[in-house]
């Protein structure tokens, strides 16, 4: 029998990037899995997951600015909701809603500068993410 999926909640701000790496590391450690993978997934359509550097917050600002440049909020979007909600759906589709990281020696295989982040493209919102640790 496999390990149960773990669900974590968070509160986001508008156009926010939240570091969820510490929580995921704790879930991996608690699982006891030495060799495997961890899958992080969100069931939201105006948010995404990123694996990027945690060293400089300016890098997160640049990510959001570049996504705004690629998918600007505009009133002529075909989506029924607000323009910011519509652009959030497109950004989520571009960036993606899951991240998979190998586990080796009981730890996630990330570089010293990498982390896993929840990106909010609408908000503020009560959000959640799912974490599944799989023994391989």
N, C-alpha and C. Protein backbone atom coordinates (compact mmCIF):
# COMPACT_ATOMS: atom_id res chain seq x y z
N UNK A 1 0.85 -1.19 0.00
CA UNK A 1 0.00 0.00 0.00
C UNK A 1 0.89 1.24 0.00
N UNK A 2 0.54 2.23 -0.80
CA UNK A 2 1.32 3.46 -0.92
C UNK A 2 1.08 4.42 0.23
N UNK A 3 1.87 5.43 0.28
CA UNK A 3 1.72 6.48 1.28
C UNK A 3 0.60 7.42 0.89
N UNK A 4 -0.12 7.94 1.88
CA UNK A 4 -1.21 8.87 1.55
C UNK A 4 -0.67 10.20 1.02
N UNK A 5 -1.49 10.83 0.19
CA UNK A 5 -1.15 12.16 -0.29
C UNK A 5 -1.32 13.15 0.86
N UNK A 6 -0.45 14.13 0.92
CA UNK A 6 -0.51 15.16 1.95
C UNK A 6 -0.99 16.45 1.30
N UNK A 7 -1.94 17.12 1.94
CA UNK A 7 -2.47 18.39 1.43
C UNK A 7 -2.06 19.49 2.40
N UNK A 8 -1.51 20.56 1.86
CA UNK A 8 -1.13 21.73 2.65
C UNK A 8 -1.88 22.95 2.12
N UNK A 9 -2.24 23.85 3.02
CA UNK A 9 -2.96 25.07 2.67
C UNK A 9 -2.05 26.28 2.82
N UNK A 10 -2.34 27.32 2.06
CA UNK A 10 -1.61 28.57 2.20
C UNK A 10 -2.50 29.73 1.77
N UNK A 11 -2.16 30.89 2.25
CA UNK A 11 -2.84 32.13 1.88
C UNK A 11 -1.89 32.91 0.98
N UNK A 12 -2.37 33.31 -0.19
CA UNK A 12 -1.53 34.06 -1.11
C UNK A 12 -1.96 35.52 -1.16
N UNK A 13 -1.06 36.32 -1.67
CA UNK A 13 -1.35 37.72 -1.98
C UNK A 13 -1.54 37.82 -3.49
N UNK A 14 -1.95 38.97 -3.96
CA UNK A 14 -2.09 39.17 -5.40
C UNK A 14 -0.71 39.07 -6.06
N UNK A 15 -0.64 38.31 -7.15
CA UNK A 15 0.61 38.15 -7.92
C UNK A 15 1.79 37.84 -7.00
N UNK A 16 1.70 36.72 -6.32
CA UNK A 16 2.61 36.35 -5.25
C UNK A 16 3.42 35.11 -5.63
N UNK A 17 4.63 35.00 -5.11
CA UNK A 17 5.41 33.77 -5.20
C UNK A 17 5.79 33.37 -3.78
N UNK A 18 5.36 32.15 -3.38
CA UNK A 18 5.54 31.67 -2.00
C UNK A 18 6.46 30.45 -2.01
N UNK A 19 7.50 30.49 -1.18
CA UNK A 19 8.43 29.37 -1.06
C UNK A 19 7.77 28.25 -0.24
N UNK A 20 7.52 27.11 -0.86
CA UNK A 20 6.93 25.97 -0.14
C UNK A 20 7.96 24.85 0.06
N UNK A 21 9.21 25.11 -0.24
CA UNK A 21 10.27 24.11 -0.13
C UNK A 21 10.39 23.53 1.28
N UNK A 22 10.42 24.34 2.34
CA UNK A 22 10.58 23.76 3.68
C UNK A 22 9.48 22.75 4.04
N UNK A 23 8.24 23.05 3.67
CA UNK A 23 7.14 22.14 3.96
C UNK A 23 7.30 20.83 3.19
N UNK A 24 7.72 20.93 1.94
CA UNK A 24 7.89 19.72 1.13
C UNK A 24 9.05 18.88 1.65
N UNK A 25 10.15 19.54 2.03
CA UNK A 25 11.29 18.81 2.62
C UNK A 25 10.86 18.06 3.87
N UNK A 26 10.04 18.69 4.70
CA UNK A 26 9.56 18.04 5.92
C UNK A 26 8.69 16.83 5.60
N UNK A 27 7.83 16.94 4.61
CA UNK A 27 6.98 15.82 4.21
C UNK A 27 7.83 14.66 3.70
N UNK A 28 8.85 14.96 2.90
CA UNK A 28 9.75 13.92 2.40
C UNK A 28 10.46 13.25 3.57
N UNK A 29 10.98 14.03 4.52
CA UNK A 29 11.68 13.47 5.67
C UNK A 29 10.76 12.58 6.50
N UNK A 30 9.53 13.05 6.74
CA UNK A 30 8.57 12.28 7.54
C UNK A 30 8.17 10.98 6.84
N UNK A 31 8.26 10.94 5.52
CA UNK A 31 7.86 9.74 4.78
C UNK A 31 8.82 8.58 4.99
N UNK A 32 10.08 8.90 5.27
CA UNK A 32 11.08 7.85 5.43
C UNK A 32 11.60 7.29 4.12
N UNK A 33 11.12 7.80 2.99
CA UNK A 33 11.56 7.31 1.68
C UNK A 33 13.01 7.72 1.45
N UNK A 34 13.84 6.76 1.08
CA UNK A 34 15.25 7.02 0.82
C UNK A 34 15.54 7.23 -0.67
N UNK A 35 14.84 6.48 -1.51
CA UNK A 35 15.02 6.59 -2.96
C UNK A 35 13.63 6.62 -3.59
N UNK A 36 13.33 7.68 -4.34
CA UNK A 36 12.02 7.78 -4.95
C UNK A 36 11.83 9.11 -5.63
N UNK A 37 10.58 9.56 -5.64
CA UNK A 37 10.24 10.86 -6.20
C UNK A 37 9.19 11.52 -5.33
N UNK A 38 9.15 12.83 -5.39
CA UNK A 38 8.07 13.58 -4.76
C UNK A 38 7.40 14.39 -5.87
N UNK A 39 6.09 14.30 -5.89
CA UNK A 39 5.29 15.02 -6.87
C UNK A 39 4.47 16.06 -6.12
N UNK A 40 4.59 17.30 -6.53
CA UNK A 40 3.80 18.39 -5.95
C UNK A 40 2.84 18.86 -7.04
N UNK A 41 1.57 18.99 -6.69
CA UNK A 41 0.55 19.31 -7.68
C UNK A 41 -0.44 20.31 -7.08
N UNK A 42 -0.98 21.17 -7.92
CA UNK A 42 -2.05 22.07 -7.47
C UNK A 42 -3.27 21.87 -8.35
N UNK A 43 -4.43 22.04 -7.74
CA UNK A 43 -5.71 21.93 -8.46
C UNK A 43 -6.32 23.31 -8.62
N UNK A 44 -5.53 24.22 -9.14
CA UNK A 44 -5.97 25.60 -9.36
C UNK A 44 -5.64 25.98 -10.80
N UNK A 45 -6.43 26.88 -11.37
CA UNK A 45 -6.22 27.25 -12.77
C UNK A 45 -5.72 28.68 -12.96
N UNK A 46 -5.48 29.39 -11.85
CA UNK A 46 -4.87 30.72 -11.94
C UNK A 46 -3.63 30.80 -11.05
N UNK A 47 -2.96 29.65 -10.89
CA UNK A 47 -1.73 29.56 -10.11
C UNK A 47 -0.85 28.51 -10.77
N UNK A 48 0.40 28.42 -10.32
CA UNK A 48 1.32 27.44 -10.90
C UNK A 48 2.39 27.08 -9.88
N UNK A 49 3.21 26.10 -10.23
CA UNK A 49 4.35 25.71 -9.41
C UNK A 49 5.63 25.96 -10.19
N UNK A 50 6.64 26.46 -9.50
CA UNK A 50 7.94 26.76 -10.11
C UNK A 50 9.05 26.05 -9.36
N UNK A 51 10.07 25.64 -10.07
CA UNK A 51 11.32 25.20 -9.45
C UNK A 51 12.36 26.21 -9.92
N UNK A 52 12.77 27.08 -8.99
CA UNK A 52 13.66 28.18 -9.36
C UNK A 52 14.53 28.56 -8.17
N UNK A 53 15.35 29.56 -8.33
CA UNK A 53 16.28 30.00 -7.29
C UNK A 53 15.57 30.68 -6.14
N UNK A 54 16.07 30.40 -4.95
CA UNK A 54 15.54 31.08 -3.76
C UNK A 54 16.48 32.16 -3.25
N UNK A 55 17.59 32.39 -3.92
CA UNK A 55 18.59 33.32 -3.42
C UNK A 55 18.17 34.78 -3.50
N UNK A 56 17.54 35.18 -4.57
CA UNK A 56 17.27 36.60 -4.77
C UNK A 56 15.81 36.82 -5.14
N UNK A 57 15.09 37.52 -4.29
CA UNK A 57 13.67 37.79 -4.52
C UNK A 57 13.47 38.59 -5.82
N UNK A 58 14.48 39.35 -6.22
CA UNK A 58 14.37 40.11 -7.47
C UNK A 58 14.15 39.18 -8.66
N UNK A 59 14.69 37.97 -8.59
CA UNK A 59 14.46 36.99 -9.65
C UNK A 59 13.00 36.61 -9.74
N UNK A 60 12.32 36.53 -8.61
CA UNK A 60 10.89 36.22 -8.60
C UNK A 60 10.09 37.38 -9.19
N UNK A 61 10.51 38.58 -8.88
CA UNK A 61 9.85 39.76 -9.46
C UNK A 61 10.01 39.74 -10.98
N UNK A 62 11.22 39.40 -11.44
CA UNK A 62 11.46 39.32 -12.89
C UNK A 62 10.59 38.25 -13.56
N UNK A 63 10.43 37.11 -12.90
CA UNK A 63 9.57 36.06 -13.46
C UNK A 63 8.15 36.59 -13.65
N UNK A 64 7.62 37.24 -12.62
CA UNK A 64 6.26 37.77 -12.71
C UNK A 64 6.17 38.87 -13.77
N UNK A 65 7.19 39.73 -13.84
CA UNK A 65 7.18 40.80 -14.85
C UNK A 65 7.23 40.23 -16.27
N UNK A 66 8.03 39.21 -16.48
CA UNK A 66 8.13 38.62 -17.82
C UNK A 66 6.83 37.91 -18.19
N UNK A 67 6.20 37.24 -17.23
CA UNK A 67 4.91 36.61 -17.51
C UNK A 67 3.86 37.67 -17.83
N UNK A 68 3.90 38.80 -17.11
CA UNK A 68 2.98 39.91 -17.41
C UNK A 68 3.23 40.47 -18.82
N UNK A 69 4.50 40.50 -19.22
CA UNK A 69 4.83 40.99 -20.55
C UNK A 69 4.32 40.03 -21.62
N UNK A 70 4.47 38.73 -21.37
CA UNK A 70 4.02 37.73 -22.32
C UNK A 70 2.50 37.61 -22.38
N UNK A 71 1.87 37.74 -21.20
CA UNK A 71 0.41 37.59 -21.10
C UNK A 71 -0.13 38.79 -20.32
N UNK A 72 -0.25 39.93 -20.96
CA UNK A 72 -0.73 41.12 -20.25
C UNK A 72 -2.22 41.00 -19.90
N UNK A 73 -2.57 41.64 -18.81
CA UNK A 73 -3.99 41.74 -18.45
C UNK A 73 -4.62 42.73 -19.41
N UNK A 74 -5.66 42.30 -20.09
CA UNK A 74 -6.31 43.19 -21.05
C UNK A 74 -7.81 42.93 -21.05
N UNK A 75 -8.57 43.92 -21.42
CA UNK A 75 -10.03 43.82 -21.35
C UNK A 75 -10.64 43.03 -22.49
N UNK A 76 -9.92 42.80 -23.56
CA UNK A 76 -10.51 42.12 -24.71
C UNK A 76 -10.27 40.61 -24.72
N UNK A 77 -9.96 40.02 -23.57
CA UNK A 77 -9.83 38.57 -23.50
C UNK A 77 -11.22 37.95 -23.59
N UNK A 78 -11.32 36.78 -24.15
CA UNK A 78 -12.60 36.13 -24.36
C UNK A 78 -13.18 35.50 -23.09
N UNK A 79 -12.35 35.30 -22.09
CA UNK A 79 -12.75 34.67 -20.84
C UNK A 79 -13.86 35.47 -20.16
N UNK A 80 -14.80 34.79 -19.53
CA UNK A 80 -15.99 35.42 -18.93
C UNK A 80 -15.69 36.22 -17.66
N UNK A 81 -14.66 35.82 -16.90
CA UNK A 81 -14.37 36.50 -15.64
C UNK A 81 -13.55 37.77 -15.88
N UNK A 82 -12.99 38.30 -14.81
CA UNK A 82 -12.24 39.55 -14.90
C UNK A 82 -10.99 39.37 -15.78
N UNK A 83 -10.47 40.47 -16.33
CA UNK A 83 -9.25 40.37 -17.16
C UNK A 83 -8.06 39.76 -16.42
N UNK A 84 -7.89 40.08 -15.12
CA UNK A 84 -6.75 39.51 -14.39
C UNK A 84 -6.94 38.01 -14.19
N UNK A 85 -8.18 37.58 -13.99
CA UNK A 85 -8.46 36.15 -13.87
C UNK A 85 -8.16 35.44 -15.19
N UNK A 86 -8.55 36.05 -16.29
CA UNK A 86 -8.31 35.46 -17.61
C UNK A 86 -6.82 35.31 -17.88
N UNK A 87 -6.03 36.34 -17.61
CA UNK A 87 -4.59 36.23 -17.85
C UNK A 87 -3.97 35.22 -16.90
N UNK A 88 -4.52 35.08 -15.69
CA UNK A 88 -4.03 34.08 -14.74
C UNK A 88 -4.18 32.66 -15.26
N UNK A 89 -5.29 32.39 -15.94
CA UNK A 89 -5.50 31.06 -16.53
C UNK A 89 -4.43 30.76 -17.59
N UNK A 90 -4.13 31.74 -18.42
CA UNK A 90 -3.13 31.55 -19.47
C UNK A 90 -1.74 31.33 -18.85
N UNK A 91 -1.38 32.14 -17.86
CA UNK A 91 -0.08 31.98 -17.20
C UNK A 91 0.05 30.61 -16.56
N UNK A 92 -1.01 30.16 -15.89
CA UNK A 92 -1.00 28.84 -15.26
C UNK A 92 -0.78 27.74 -16.30
N UNK A 93 -1.44 27.87 -17.44
CA UNK A 93 -1.28 26.87 -18.50
C UNK A 93 0.14 26.86 -19.06
N UNK A 94 0.77 28.02 -19.14
CA UNK A 94 2.14 28.12 -19.66
C UNK A 94 3.14 27.54 -18.67
N UNK A 95 3.03 27.91 -17.39
CA UNK A 95 4.02 27.53 -16.38
C UNK A 95 3.82 26.09 -15.92
N UNK A 96 2.59 25.69 -15.64
CA UNK A 96 2.31 24.32 -15.23
C UNK A 96 1.91 24.20 -13.78
N UNK A 97 1.23 23.09 -13.47
CA UNK A 97 0.65 22.91 -12.14
C UNK A 97 1.27 21.76 -11.36
N UNK A 98 2.41 21.23 -11.82
CA UNK A 98 3.07 20.18 -11.05
C UNK A 98 4.58 20.26 -11.19
N UNK A 99 5.25 19.76 -10.15
CA UNK A 99 6.71 19.66 -10.13
C UNK A 99 7.04 18.28 -9.58
N UNK A 100 7.96 17.58 -10.24
CA UNK A 100 8.43 16.28 -9.77
C UNK A 100 9.93 16.38 -9.50
N UNK A 101 10.34 15.93 -8.31
CA UNK A 101 11.74 16.01 -7.91
C UNK A 101 12.19 14.63 -7.42
N UNK A 102 13.35 14.15 -7.88
CA UNK A 102 13.87 12.88 -7.37
C UNK A 102 14.25 12.98 -5.89
N UNK A 103 14.18 11.85 -5.21
CA UNK A 103 14.63 11.74 -3.82
C UNK A 103 15.79 10.75 -3.81
N UNK A 104 16.90 11.14 -3.20
CA UNK A 104 18.06 10.26 -3.06
C UNK A 104 18.64 10.46 -1.67
N UNK A 105 18.92 9.37 -0.99
CA UNK A 105 19.44 9.48 0.37
C UNK A 105 18.46 10.14 1.32
N UNK A 106 17.18 10.04 1.02
CA UNK A 106 16.15 10.62 1.89
C UNK A 106 15.92 12.10 1.70
N UNK A 107 16.58 12.71 0.71
CA UNK A 107 16.43 14.15 0.48
C UNK A 107 16.10 14.45 -0.98
N UNK A 108 15.39 15.56 -1.19
CA UNK A 108 15.11 15.98 -2.55
C UNK A 108 16.41 16.35 -3.26
N UNK A 109 16.50 15.99 -4.53
CA UNK A 109 17.68 16.31 -5.32
C UNK A 109 17.46 17.68 -5.96
N UNK A 110 17.87 18.70 -5.21
CA UNK A 110 17.81 20.09 -5.67
C UNK A 110 19.19 20.70 -5.49
N UNK A 111 19.55 21.64 -6.33
CA UNK A 111 20.83 22.32 -6.13
C UNK A 111 20.72 23.20 -4.88
N UNK A 112 21.85 23.73 -4.45
CA UNK A 112 21.86 24.57 -3.25
C UNK A 112 21.02 25.84 -3.42
N UNK A 113 20.75 26.22 -4.66
CA UNK A 113 19.98 27.45 -4.87
C UNK A 113 18.53 27.19 -5.31
N UNK A 114 18.16 25.94 -5.55
CA UNK A 114 16.81 25.65 -6.05
C UNK A 114 15.80 25.51 -4.92
N UNK A 115 14.58 25.88 -5.24
CA UNK A 115 13.46 25.68 -4.34
C UNK A 115 12.19 25.48 -5.14
N UNK A 116 11.14 25.07 -4.44
CA UNK A 116 9.84 24.89 -5.07
C UNK A 116 8.93 26.01 -4.58
N UNK A 117 8.27 26.67 -5.52
CA UNK A 117 7.49 27.87 -5.21
C UNK A 117 6.08 27.77 -5.78
N UNK A 118 5.14 28.31 -5.02
CA UNK A 118 3.75 28.44 -5.46
C UNK A 118 3.61 29.84 -6.04
N UNK A 119 3.19 29.92 -7.30
CA UNK A 119 3.02 31.22 -7.97
C UNK A 119 1.54 31.54 -8.10
N UNK A 120 1.14 32.65 -7.55
CA UNK A 120 -0.26 33.12 -7.60
C UNK A 120 -0.38 34.16 -8.70
N UNK A 121 -1.25 33.92 -9.67
CA UNK A 121 -1.44 34.84 -10.78
C UNK A 121 -2.75 35.62 -10.68
N UNK A 122 -3.45 35.48 -9.59
CA UNK A 122 -4.70 36.20 -9.36
C UNK A 122 -4.64 36.68 -7.91
N UNK A 123 -5.46 36.17 -7.06
CA UNK A 123 -5.37 36.41 -5.62
C UNK A 123 -5.81 37.79 -5.18
N UNK A 124 -5.78 37.98 -3.88
CA UNK A 124 -5.37 37.02 -2.84
C UNK A 124 -6.38 35.87 -2.73
N UNK A 125 -5.87 34.71 -2.36
CA UNK A 125 -6.71 33.51 -2.29
C UNK A 125 -6.24 32.56 -1.20
N UNK A 126 -7.18 31.74 -0.73
CA UNK A 126 -6.84 30.57 0.07
C UNK A 126 -6.55 29.46 -0.94
N UNK A 127 -5.37 28.90 -0.90
CA UNK A 127 -4.96 27.90 -1.88
C UNK A 127 -4.49 26.64 -1.15
N UNK A 128 -4.27 25.59 -1.93
CA UNK A 128 -3.72 24.36 -1.38
C UNK A 128 -2.81 23.72 -2.43
N UNK A 129 -1.95 22.83 -1.95
CA UNK A 129 -1.13 22.03 -2.84
C UNK A 129 -1.05 20.62 -2.28
N UNK A 130 -0.91 19.66 -3.19
CA UNK A 130 -0.87 18.25 -2.83
C UNK A 130 0.55 17.74 -3.00
N UNK A 131 0.98 16.90 -2.05
CA UNK A 131 2.33 16.33 -2.09
C UNK A 131 2.22 14.82 -2.00
N UNK A 132 2.78 14.13 -2.97
CA UNK A 132 2.78 12.66 -2.98
C UNK A 132 4.22 12.19 -3.05
N UNK A 133 4.64 11.42 -2.03
CA UNK A 133 5.98 10.85 -1.99
C UNK A 133 5.86 9.39 -2.43
N UNK A 134 6.68 9.01 -3.41
CA UNK A 134 6.60 7.67 -3.99
C UNK A 134 7.95 6.98 -3.83
N UNK A 135 7.94 5.81 -3.21
CA UNK A 135 9.14 5.00 -3.02
C UNK A 135 9.44 4.26 -4.32
N UNK A 136 10.67 4.33 -4.79
CA UNK A 136 11.03 3.63 -6.04
C UNK A 136 12.11 2.61 -5.77
